[in-house]
Amino acid sequence: MTDDTAPAWRSWLPGARVVVRRRRDDAPAPGEPPYTDVLGDVLAVDDTGLLVRTRRGDVRVPAADVVLAKTVPPPPARRRRH
């Protein structure tokens, strides 16, 4: 039996390209947004959250901090310089 109330991100497989809106883990200054986005490839998913490889490195997103999450298409091909 499956848990229909589980968030979709819990079923993601490594390699999926995703964007995750998460609560910031720092203390944003007044007027700064309380959320940030993590864009990259899933490395691992478990009950505690997920690990995403971004351009800047690997980011651990705790399950409690996930606000929205979805899969996204691959990045566009880089254009060649002339």
N, C-alpha and C. Protein backbone atom coordinates (compact mmCIF):
# COMPACT_ATOMS: atom_id res chain seq x y z
N MET A 1 0.84 -1.17 0.00
CA MET A 1 0.00 0.00 0.00
C MET A 1 0.89 1.24 0.00
N THR A 2 0.55 2.24 -0.84
CA THR A 2 1.35 3.46 -0.91
C THR A 2 0.72 4.54 -0.06
N ASP A 3 1.54 5.49 0.33
CA ASP A 3 1.08 6.63 1.12
C ASP A 3 0.75 7.77 0.17
N ASP A 4 -0.53 7.98 -0.13
CA ASP A 4 -0.95 9.00 -1.08
C ASP A 4 -0.74 10.41 -0.54
N THR A 5 -0.46 10.56 0.74
CA THR A 5 -0.24 11.88 1.31
C THR A 5 1.24 12.27 1.29
N ALA A 6 2.12 11.36 0.92
CA ALA A 6 3.55 11.67 0.87
C ALA A 6 3.82 12.67 -0.25
N PRO A 7 4.70 13.64 0.00
CA PRO A 7 5.05 14.60 -1.06
C PRO A 7 5.68 13.88 -2.25
N ALA A 8 5.45 14.40 -3.45
CA ALA A 8 5.97 13.78 -4.67
C ALA A 8 7.49 13.66 -4.65
N TRP A 9 8.19 14.60 -4.02
CA TRP A 9 9.66 14.57 -4.04
C TRP A 9 10.22 13.32 -3.35
N ARG A 10 9.44 12.72 -2.48
CA ARG A 10 9.93 11.52 -1.79
C ARG A 10 10.10 10.33 -2.74
N SER A 11 9.49 10.39 -3.92
CA SER A 11 9.62 9.29 -4.88
C SER A 11 10.65 9.60 -5.98
N TRP A 12 11.31 10.75 -5.90
CA TRP A 12 12.30 11.08 -6.93
C TRP A 12 13.49 10.12 -6.87
N LEU A 13 14.02 9.83 -8.04
CA LEU A 13 15.19 8.95 -8.16
C LEU A 13 16.44 9.79 -8.40
N PRO A 14 17.59 9.30 -7.99
CA PRO A 14 18.83 10.02 -8.29
C PRO A 14 18.94 10.30 -9.77
N GLY A 15 19.41 11.51 -10.08
CA GLY A 15 19.56 11.92 -11.48
C GLY A 15 18.46 12.83 -11.96
N ALA A 16 17.32 12.85 -11.27
CA ALA A 16 16.22 13.73 -11.68
C ALA A 16 16.65 15.18 -11.51
N ARG A 17 16.32 16.01 -12.49
CA ARG A 17 16.61 17.46 -12.39
C ARG A 17 15.41 18.11 -11.74
N VAL A 18 15.66 18.90 -10.69
CA VAL A 18 14.57 19.43 -9.88
C VAL A 18 14.83 20.87 -9.44
N VAL A 19 13.76 21.50 -9.01
CA VAL A 19 13.86 22.77 -8.29
C VAL A 19 13.06 22.60 -7.00
N VAL A 20 13.66 23.03 -5.90
CA VAL A 20 13.04 22.90 -4.58
C VAL A 20 13.01 24.27 -3.93
N ARG A 21 11.82 24.75 -3.61
CA ARG A 21 11.70 25.98 -2.81
C ARG A 21 11.75 25.55 -1.36
N ARG A 22 12.66 26.17 -0.62
CA ARG A 22 12.86 25.79 0.77
C ARG A 22 12.91 27.01 1.68
N ARG A 23 12.60 26.76 2.94
CA ARG A 23 12.78 27.81 3.93
C ARG A 23 14.28 28.03 4.10
N ARG A 24 14.68 29.28 4.20
CA ARG A 24 16.09 29.57 4.41
C ARG A 24 16.55 29.09 5.77
N ASP A 25 17.78 28.61 5.83
CA ASP A 25 18.28 28.13 7.11
C ASP A 25 19.11 29.18 7.84
N ASP A 26 19.22 30.35 7.23
CA ASP A 26 19.86 31.46 7.93
C ASP A 26 18.76 32.40 8.42
N ALA A 27 19.12 33.47 9.06
CA ALA A 27 18.14 34.44 9.55
C ALA A 27 18.11 35.60 8.56
N PRO A 28 17.11 35.60 7.65
CA PRO A 28 17.06 36.69 6.66
C PRO A 28 16.83 38.04 7.35
N ALA A 29 17.47 39.05 6.81
CA ALA A 29 17.28 40.41 7.33
C ALA A 29 15.86 40.86 7.03
N PRO A 30 15.35 41.82 7.79
CA PRO A 30 14.00 42.34 7.51
C PRO A 30 13.88 42.78 6.06
N GLY A 31 12.82 42.35 5.43
CA GLY A 31 12.57 42.67 4.03
C GLY A 31 13.13 41.66 3.05
N GLU A 32 14.01 40.76 3.50
CA GLU A 32 14.53 39.71 2.62
C GLU A 32 13.55 38.54 2.58
N PRO A 33 13.49 37.83 1.46
CA PRO A 33 12.56 36.71 1.36
C PRO A 33 12.94 35.58 2.33
N PRO A 34 11.93 34.91 2.89
CA PRO A 34 12.21 33.82 3.83
C PRO A 34 12.50 32.49 3.13
N TYR A 35 12.45 32.48 1.78
CA TYR A 35 12.65 31.25 1.02
C TYR A 35 13.78 31.43 0.02
N THR A 36 14.32 30.30 -0.43
CA THR A 36 15.31 30.27 -1.50
C THR A 36 15.06 29.03 -2.34
N ASP A 37 15.55 29.02 -3.57
CA ASP A 37 15.36 27.88 -4.47
C ASP A 37 16.67 27.13 -4.64
N VAL A 38 16.55 25.82 -4.75
CA VAL A 38 17.68 24.94 -5.02
C VAL A 38 17.38 24.24 -6.34
N LEU A 39 18.25 24.45 -7.34
CA LEU A 39 18.07 23.87 -8.67
C LEU A 39 19.24 22.95 -8.96
N GLY A 40 18.93 21.72 -9.33
CA GLY A 40 20.01 20.78 -9.67
C GLY A 40 19.52 19.36 -9.82
N ASP A 41 20.44 18.43 -9.68
CA ASP A 41 20.15 17.01 -9.86
C ASP A 41 20.10 16.30 -8.51
N VAL A 42 19.09 15.47 -8.33
CA VAL A 42 18.93 14.72 -7.09
C VAL A 42 20.06 13.70 -6.96
N LEU A 43 20.69 13.69 -5.80
CA LEU A 43 21.69 12.68 -5.48
C LEU A 43 21.10 11.60 -4.59
N ALA A 44 20.24 12.00 -3.65
CA ALA A 44 19.66 11.04 -2.71
C ALA A 44 18.39 11.63 -2.09
N VAL A 45 17.47 10.72 -1.74
CA VAL A 45 16.22 11.08 -1.06
C VAL A 45 16.01 10.07 0.06
N ASP A 46 15.66 10.58 1.24
CA ASP A 46 15.29 9.69 2.34
C ASP A 46 14.26 10.41 3.22
N ASP A 47 13.91 9.79 4.32
CA ASP A 47 12.88 10.37 5.18
C ASP A 47 13.26 11.71 5.79
N THR A 48 14.57 12.00 5.86
CA THR A 48 15.00 13.25 6.47
C THR A 48 15.08 14.40 5.49
N GLY A 49 15.04 14.11 4.19
CA GLY A 49 15.10 15.17 3.18
C GLY A 49 15.73 14.68 1.90
N LEU A 50 16.38 15.62 1.20
CA LEU A 50 17.02 15.24 -0.05
C LEU A 50 18.33 15.97 -0.23
N LEU A 51 19.18 15.39 -1.06
CA LEU A 51 20.48 15.95 -1.39
C LEU A 51 20.46 16.28 -2.87
N VAL A 52 20.78 17.55 -3.20
CA VAL A 52 20.72 18.02 -4.58
C VAL A 52 22.09 18.58 -4.97
N ARG A 53 22.60 18.16 -6.13
CA ARG A 53 23.86 18.70 -6.64
C ARG A 53 23.54 19.91 -7.51
N THR A 54 23.99 21.09 -7.07
CA THR A 54 23.79 22.33 -7.81
C THR A 54 25.11 22.74 -8.45
N ARG A 55 25.10 23.83 -9.19
CA ARG A 55 26.34 24.35 -9.80
C ARG A 55 27.36 24.74 -8.73
N ARG A 56 26.87 25.12 -7.57
CA ARG A 56 27.77 25.58 -6.50
C ARG A 56 28.16 24.48 -5.52
N GLY A 57 27.62 23.29 -5.71
CA GLY A 57 27.96 22.19 -4.82
C GLY A 57 26.72 21.45 -4.35
N ASP A 58 26.92 20.50 -3.47
CA ASP A 58 25.81 19.68 -2.97
C ASP A 58 25.09 20.41 -1.84
N VAL A 59 23.75 20.36 -1.90
CA VAL A 59 22.91 21.05 -0.92
C VAL A 59 21.98 20.03 -0.27
N ARG A 60 22.04 19.94 1.04
CA ARG A 60 21.12 19.08 1.81
C ARG A 60 19.90 19.92 2.16
N VAL A 61 18.70 19.43 1.78
CA VAL A 61 17.45 20.12 2.08
C VAL A 61 16.66 19.25 3.06
N PRO A 62 16.53 19.69 4.31
CA PRO A 62 15.74 18.92 5.27
C PRO A 62 14.27 18.86 4.85
N ALA A 63 13.64 17.74 5.10
CA ALA A 63 12.23 17.55 4.71
C ALA A 63 11.34 18.65 5.26
N ALA A 64 11.59 19.07 6.49
CA ALA A 64 10.76 20.09 7.12
C ALA A 64 10.87 21.46 6.44
N ASP A 65 11.94 21.68 5.65
CA ASP A 65 12.15 22.97 5.00
C ASP A 65 11.60 23.04 3.59
N VAL A 66 11.17 21.90 3.02
CA VAL A 66 10.64 21.88 1.65
C VAL A 66 9.25 22.51 1.64
N VAL A 67 9.11 23.56 0.81
CA VAL A 67 7.82 24.25 0.67
C VAL A 67 7.14 23.80 -0.62
N LEU A 68 7.86 23.82 -1.72
CA LEU A 68 7.39 23.36 -3.03
C LEU A 68 8.52 22.62 -3.71
N ALA A 69 8.19 21.68 -4.56
CA ALA A 69 9.22 20.94 -5.28
C ALA A 69 8.63 20.38 -6.56
N LYS A 70 9.43 20.44 -7.64
CA LYS A 70 8.97 19.85 -8.90
C LYS A 70 10.16 19.47 -9.76
N THR A 71 9.92 18.57 -10.69
CA THR A 71 10.95 18.21 -11.66
C THR A 71 10.94 19.28 -12.75
N VAL A 72 12.09 19.46 -13.38
CA VAL A 72 12.23 20.45 -14.45
C VAL A 72 12.99 19.81 -15.61
N PRO A 73 12.85 20.39 -16.81
CA PRO A 73 13.56 19.83 -17.96
C PRO A 73 15.07 20.05 -17.85
N PRO A 74 15.84 19.33 -18.66
CA PRO A 74 17.29 19.53 -18.67
C PRO A 74 17.64 20.97 -19.03
N PRO A 75 18.82 21.42 -18.64
CA PRO A 75 19.21 22.79 -19.01
C PRO A 75 19.38 22.90 -20.51
N PRO A 76 19.22 24.11 -21.05
CA PRO A 76 19.42 24.28 -22.49
C PRO A 76 20.89 24.04 -22.84
N ALA A 77 21.10 23.61 -24.06
CA ALA A 77 22.47 23.40 -24.54
C ALA A 77 23.21 24.72 -24.57
N ARG A 78 24.48 24.68 -24.20
CA ARG A 78 25.29 25.90 -24.26
C ARG A 78 25.53 26.28 -25.71
N ARG A 79 25.47 27.57 -25.98
CA ARG A 79 25.74 28.03 -27.33
C ARG A 79 27.24 28.16 -27.54
N ARG A 80 27.64 27.79 -28.74
CA ARG A 80 29.06 27.90 -29.07
C ARG A 80 29.41 29.36 -29.34
N ARG A 81 30.60 29.72 -28.90
CA ARG A 81 31.09 31.07 -29.19
C ARG A 81 31.66 31.07 -30.61
N HIS A 82 31.47 32.16 -31.28
CA HIS A 82 31.98 32.27 -32.66
C HIS A 82 33.32 32.91 -32.69
